């Protein structure tokens, strides 16, 4: 559960840096 939170926060940070990276991160996570 904690790891999922960390990954989610990391993906959120990427979204702030670049929306494209955010989509790629979601694809990798899911």
C-alpha atoms as a PDB file:
ATOM      1  CA  UNK A   1       0.000   0.000   0.000  1.00  0.00           C
ATOM      2  CA  UNK A   2       2.772   2.419   0.930  1.00  0.00           C
ATOM      3  CA  UNK A   3       4.647   1.592  -2.265  1.00  0.00           C
ATOM      4  CA  UNK A   4       1.521   2.384  -4.287  1.00  0.00           C
ATOM      5  CA  UNK A   5       1.332   5.792  -2.609  1.00  0.00           C
ATOM      6  CA  UNK A   6       4.970   6.503  -3.433  1.00  0.00           C
ATOM      7  CA  UNK A   7       4.457   5.469  -7.065  1.00  0.00           C
ATOM      8  CA  UNK A   8       1.336   7.626  -7.295  1.00  0.00           C
ATOM      9  CA  UNK A   9       3.180  10.646  -5.875  1.00  0.00           C
ATOM     10  CA  UNK A  10       6.037  10.019  -8.302  1.00  0.00           C
ATOM     11  CA  UNK A  11       3.612   9.850 -11.242  1.00  0.00           C
ATOM     12  CA  UNK A  12       1.948  13.053 -10.022  1.00  0.00           C
ATOM     13  CA  UNK A  13       5.335  14.799  -9.935  1.00  0.00           C
ATOM     14  CA  UNK A  14       5.976  13.658 -13.500  1.00  0.00           C
ATOM     15  CA  UNK A  15       2.587  15.064 -14.522  1.00  0.00           C
ATOM     16  CA  UNK A  16       3.708  18.435 -13.221  1.00  0.00           C
ATOM     17  CA  UNK A  17       6.925  18.136 -15.239  1.00  0.00           C
ATOM     18  CA  UNK A  18       5.244  16.802 -18.373  1.00  0.00           C
ATOM     19  CA  UNK A  19       1.734  15.455 -19.002  1.00  0.00           C
ATOM     20  CA  UNK A  20       3.150  12.975 -21.530  1.00  0.00           C
ATOM     21  CA  UNK A  21       5.408  11.433 -18.892  1.00  0.00           C
ATOM     22  CA  UNK A  22       2.384  11.201 -16.599  1.00  0.00           C
ATOM     23  CA  UNK A  23       0.449   9.136 -19.167  1.00  0.00           C
ATOM     24  CA  UNK A  24       3.459   6.882 -19.741  1.00  0.00           C
ATOM     25  CA  UNK A  25       3.856   6.387 -15.991  1.00  0.00           C
ATOM     26  CA  UNK A  26       0.190   5.437 -15.641  1.00  0.00           C
ATOM     27  CA  UNK A  27       0.583   2.930 -18.464  1.00  0.00           C
ATOM     28  CA  UNK A  28       3.607   1.400 -16.723  1.00  0.00           C
ATOM     29  CA  UNK A  29       1.829   1.288 -13.356  1.00  0.00           C
ATOM     30  CA  UNK A  30      -1.339  -0.241 -14.751  1.00  0.00           C
END
